[in-house]
Amino acid sequence: MRIAVLMTNTDESAFSQAWPKDGEKFPAMMLKVRPDWEFEVFDVKDGVFPDSLEGLDGVMITGSPHSVNSGEAWVERLFGLIREIYAKGLPMFGACFGHQAIAKALGGEVGDNPEGWVFGLVEAKYRDGTSLPLYASHSEQVIKLPDNAEIIAEGPDCGVAGFVIGQGVMTNQYHPEMEPEFIAALVEHLADELPADVIDAARESLVGQADMVAMAERIALFLEKS
C-alpha cells in the first residue's frame, strides 16, 4: 500500500530538532506491522500538499502543538484537502491534531478541554471492549462530532478519544507514534511551561508504556479494509 503522511507538526524548537520528525515517526510505527508499505511525506504545515490523490491507498494526518482553530492559511487548506479525501472515499486516519482537523473539516467543533491538559500515559477505552495504553499531550479536543460520526473510544477527561465515519475515516486523540524515551523527554522539556500538577501526574503515569504495535495494527487493518 502507498500511504500519504500529512505532516502538521509546527514545533521547530531545539528540542524538536534533536528527535525524529513526525514524518519519520509515523512510517516507522506502521512499518513495525506492515514492512512492505510505502510512505510519502508532505510537510503541509510548510505549504507542501499532494498535487493529486491518484495512486494513494490511504492518508495519515499527524499531530501538532498547533491549534486547528488558528485560522492560518495552511490549516484552512488542509481542511479543504480533508474534505476532498473524504469525498473521494480514500481511507483517512488522523492522530491528535489530525483527529481534530478531520472533525472540524467535516463539520464538527474543537475547543478547550474543560479539565485542562491531558498529558502522559492514558488508557484509551474502546467501545468494542478493548483498551490500549497510549501517550497523550493535548489541551484541546473534539467537543462536537461531524454528522454521521460514531465515537469508538474514550479516555480520561476526553469523551471523544476516537471516532469513525463509515468505513473511510478513523481517528485517535492520542499519539501512537511517540516512543517512551520521547514522551519522557517531552515531559521534562515542558516542566517549566505547564502547571506543576500536570507535570507531576505525567511523570507518575510513565511507569507504564504505550502499546504502539497494537495501535499500529488497528490502524493498518482500518486502512486495508476501507
Protein backbone atom coordinates (compact mmCIF):
# COMPACT_ATOMS: atom_id res chain seq x y z
CA MET A 1 0.00 0.00 0.00
CA ARG A 2 1.10 3.57 -0.69
CA ILE A 3 0.24 5.96 2.14
CA ALA A 4 0.50 9.75 2.22
CA VAL A 5 1.59 11.22 5.58
CA LEU A 6 0.43 14.82 6.01
CA MET A 7 2.93 16.30 8.47
CA THR A 8 1.41 19.10 10.59
CA ASN A 9 3.88 19.44 13.48
CA THR A 10 4.94 23.09 13.69
CA ASP A 11 7.47 22.65 16.54
CA GLU A 12 10.86 23.80 15.23
CA SER A 13 12.48 24.20 18.66
CA ALA A 14 15.93 22.88 19.52
CA PHE A 15 14.19 20.13 21.47
CA SER A 16 12.21 19.06 18.40
CA GLN A 17 15.30 19.11 16.19
CA ALA A 18 17.00 16.58 18.45
CA TRP A 19 14.35 13.92 17.70
CA PRO A 20 12.98 12.30 14.52
CA LYS A 21 10.24 14.35 12.87
CA ASP A 22 6.65 13.08 12.71
CA GLY A 23 7.18 12.39 9.02
CA GLU A 24 9.63 9.72 10.16
CA LYS A 25 7.78 8.56 13.29
CA PHE A 26 4.51 7.62 11.61
CA PRO A 27 6.09 5.48 8.86
CA ALA A 28 8.40 3.88 11.44
CA MET A 29 5.38 2.96 13.56
CA MET A 30 3.48 1.45 10.65
CA LEU A 31 6.50 -0.42 9.27
CA LYS A 32 6.59 -2.40 12.52
CA VAL A 33 3.41 -4.14 11.38
CA ARG A 34 3.42 -3.63 7.58
CA PRO A 35 7.08 -3.66 6.47
CA ASP A 36 6.20 -3.66 2.76
CA TRP A 37 4.13 -0.46 2.79
CA GLU A 38 5.41 2.72 1.13
CA PHE A 39 5.06 6.22 2.56
CA GLU A 40 5.27 9.70 1.06
CA VAL A 41 5.52 12.63 3.47
CA PHE A 42 4.06 16.07 2.73
CA ASP A 43 5.01 18.96 5.04
CA VAL A 44 1.59 20.58 4.83
CA LYS A 45 2.46 22.97 7.66
CA ASP A 46 5.02 24.45 5.23
CA GLY A 47 2.52 24.56 2.37
CA VAL A 48 3.65 21.31 0.74
CA PHE A 49 0.50 19.46 -0.34
CA PRO A 50 -0.05 16.48 -2.67
CA ASP A 51 -0.55 17.50 -6.28
CA SER A 52 -3.01 14.64 -6.68
CA LEU A 53 -4.61 11.86 -4.66
CA GLU A 54 -4.24 9.41 -7.53
CA GLY A 55 -2.20 6.32 -6.72
CA LEU A 56 -2.67 6.65 -2.97
CA ASP A 57 -4.20 3.87 -0.88
CA GLY A 58 -4.65 5.91 2.27
CA VAL A 59 -3.79 9.08 4.19
CA MET A 60 -2.46 9.68 7.70
CA ILE A 61 -2.54 13.12 9.36
CA THR A 62 -0.07 13.70 12.19
CA GLY A 63 -0.24 15.55 15.48
CA SER A 64 0.94 19.08 16.19
CA PRO A 65 1.10 21.63 19.01
CA HIS A 66 -0.68 23.99 16.61
CA SER A 67 -4.39 24.68 17.06
CA VAL A 68 -6.89 23.66 14.39
CA ASN A 69 -8.73 26.86 15.33
CA SER A 70 -5.85 29.14 14.33
CA GLY A 71 -7.38 30.17 11.01
CA GLU A 72 -3.95 30.05 9.35
CA ALA A 73 -3.89 29.55 5.60
CA TRP A 74 -2.24 26.12 5.65
CA VAL A 75 -4.79 24.85 8.20
CA GLU A 76 -7.71 26.06 6.08
CA ARG A 77 -6.11 24.49 3.01
CA LEU A 78 -5.75 21.23 4.94
CA PHE A 79 -9.46 21.32 5.78
CA GLY A 80 -10.19 21.55 2.07
CA LEU A 81 -7.94 18.60 1.33
CA ILE A 82 -9.60 16.55 4.10
CA ARG A 83 -13.00 17.21 2.52
CA GLU A 84 -11.60 16.16 -0.87
CA ILE A 85 -10.15 12.95 0.58
CA TYR A 86 -13.44 12.18 2.30
CA ALA A 87 -15.47 12.82 -0.85
CA LYS A 88 -13.16 10.56 -2.84
CA GLY A 89 -13.63 7.74 -0.32
CA LEU A 90 -9.90 7.42 0.33
CA PRO A 91 -9.29 5.94 3.80
CA MET A 92 -8.01 8.57 6.21
CA PHE A 93 -6.58 8.29 9.73
CA GLY A 94 -5.81 11.25 11.98
CA ALA A 95 -3.96 11.43 15.32
CA CYS A 96 -4.26 14.31 17.82
CA PHE A 97 -4.19 17.44 15.60
CA GLY A 98 -5.13 15.18 12.69
CA HIS A 99 -8.09 13.79 14.65
CA GLN A 100 -9.24 17.32 15.46
CA ALA A 101 -8.65 18.63 11.93
CA ILE A 102 -10.77 15.86 10.41
CA ALA A 103 -13.55 16.57 12.89
CA LYS A 104 -13.55 20.31 12.19
CA ALA A 105 -13.17 20.00 8.42
CA LEU A 106 -16.21 17.71 8.27
CA GLY A 107 -18.50 19.89 10.38
CA GLY A 108 -17.53 19.17 13.98
CA GLU A 109 -16.13 21.52 16.61
CA VAL A 110 -12.90 21.62 18.61
CA GLY A 111 -12.44 23.55 21.84
CA ASP A 112 -10.55 23.72 25.12
CA ASN A 113 -10.73 20.71 27.39
CA PRO A 114 -12.70 21.91 30.46
CA GLU A 115 -10.37 19.89 32.69
CA GLY A 116 -7.19 21.34 31.18
CA TRP A 117 -4.21 19.35 29.94
CA VAL A 118 -4.22 15.59 29.37
CA PHE A 119 -0.56 14.60 29.41
CA GLY A 120 1.37 11.36 29.83
CA LEU A 121 0.25 7.74 29.57
CA VAL A 122 -3.52 7.20 29.43
CA GLU A 123 -5.85 4.29 28.83
CA ALA A 124 -7.99 4.59 25.71
CA LYS A 125 -11.13 2.53 26.26
CA TYR A 126 -12.70 1.29 23.06
CA ARG A 127 -16.38 0.56 22.76
CA ASP A 128 -15.62 -2.91 21.45
CA GLY A 129 -14.50 -3.75 25.00
CA THR A 130 -10.76 -3.44 24.42
CA SER A 131 -8.41 -0.83 25.80
CA LEU A 132 -4.98 0.47 24.82
CA PRO A 133 -2.35 2.41 26.76
CA LEU A 134 -1.31 5.42 24.65
CA TYR A 135 0.59 8.66 25.14
CA ALA A 136 -1.41 11.89 25.35
CA SER A 137 -0.47 15.55 25.02
CA HIS A 138 -3.42 17.86 24.42
CA SER A 139 -5.42 20.72 25.92
CA GLU A 140 -7.96 20.97 23.11
CA GLN A 141 -10.29 18.23 21.97
CA VAL A 142 -13.31 17.44 19.83
CA ILE A 143 -16.41 18.83 21.53
CA LYS A 144 -18.89 18.23 18.71
CA LEU A 145 -18.77 15.36 16.24
CA PRO A 146 -19.31 15.70 12.50
CA ASP A 147 -22.56 14.32 11.13
CA ASN A 148 -22.60 10.52 10.84
CA ALA A 149 -19.55 10.16 13.11
CA GLU A 150 -19.54 7.46 15.78
CA ILE A 151 -17.39 7.54 18.91
CA ILE A 152 -15.19 4.44 19.16
CA ALA A 153 -13.00 5.36 22.15
CA GLU A 154 -12.99 7.45 25.30
CA GLY A 155 -10.20 8.43 27.67
CA PRO A 156 -9.51 10.40 30.85
CA ASP A 157 -11.25 13.79 30.58
CA CYS A 158 -11.79 13.06 26.89
CA GLY A 159 -15.19 11.88 25.73
CA VAL A 160 -14.14 11.68 22.08
CA ALA A 161 -10.80 9.87 22.09
CA GLY A 162 -11.53 8.42 18.67
CA PHE A 163 -14.31 8.27 16.09
CA VAL A 164 -15.15 6.71 12.76
CA ILE A 165 -17.29 7.85 9.85
CA GLY A 166 -18.46 4.90 7.82
CA GLN A 167 -15.60 2.77 6.51
CA GLY A 168 -13.44 5.68 5.35
CA VAL A 169 -12.45 7.71 8.44
CA MET A 170 -10.81 6.67 11.71
CA THR A 171 -9.24 8.97 14.29
CA ASN A 172 -7.47 8.93 17.65
CA GLN A 173 -6.87 11.87 20.00
CA TYR A 174 -3.59 10.42 21.26
CA HIS A 175 -0.04 9.96 19.96
CA PRO A 176 0.54 6.35 18.90
CA GLU A 177 3.77 7.38 17.15
CA MET A 178 5.55 8.50 20.35
CA GLU A 179 8.29 6.31 21.81
CA PRO A 180 8.75 6.03 25.62
CA GLU A 181 12.05 7.93 25.54
CA PHE A 182 10.48 10.82 23.63
CA ILE A 183 7.44 11.31 25.88
CA ALA A 184 9.67 11.19 28.98
CA ALA A 185 11.93 13.88 27.48
CA LEU A 186 8.89 15.92 26.40
CA VAL A 187 7.53 15.95 29.94
CA GLU A 188 10.80 17.37 31.24
CA HIS A 189 11.02 19.83 28.34
CA LEU A 190 7.60 21.25 29.26
CA ALA A 191 8.14 21.16 33.03
CA ASP A 192 8.57 24.95 33.23
CA GLU A 193 5.66 25.71 30.88
CA LEU A 194 2.79 23.58 32.21
CA PRO A 195 1.22 23.51 35.69
CA ALA A 196 3.19 21.52 38.25
CA ASP A 197 0.29 19.14 38.91
CA VAL A 198 0.07 18.31 35.20
CA ILE A 199 3.80 17.54 35.05
CA ASP A 200 3.73 15.50 38.28
CA ALA A 201 0.81 13.40 37.01
CA ALA A 202 2.52 12.87 33.66
CA ARG A 203 5.74 11.72 35.34
CA GLU A 204 3.83 9.30 37.56
CA SER A 205 1.94 7.87 34.58
CA LEU A 206 5.12 6.89 32.77
CA VAL A 207 5.73 3.85 34.98
CA GLY A 208 3.79 2.08 32.21
CA GLN A 209 4.36 2.08 28.47
CA ALA A 210 2.15 2.65 25.44
CA ASP A 211 1.31 -0.22 23.10
CA MET A 212 2.47 1.22 19.78
CA VAL A 213 2.33 -2.09 17.92
CA ALA A 214 -1.28 -2.82 18.89
CA MET A 215 -2.39 0.64 17.75
CA ALA A 216 -0.39 0.37 14.53
CA GLU A 217 -2.11 -2.92 13.78
CA ARG A 218 -5.51 -1.34 14.44
CA ILE A 219 -4.67 1.49 12.01
CA ALA A 220 -3.32 -0.93 9.39
CA LEU A 221 -6.44 -3.09 9.48
CA PHE A 222 -8.60 0.00 9.05
CA LEU A 223 -6.63 1.22 6.04
CA GLU A 224 -6.65 -2.23 4.44
CA LYS A 225 -10.37 -2.85 4.88
CA SER A 226 -11.64 0.57 3.87
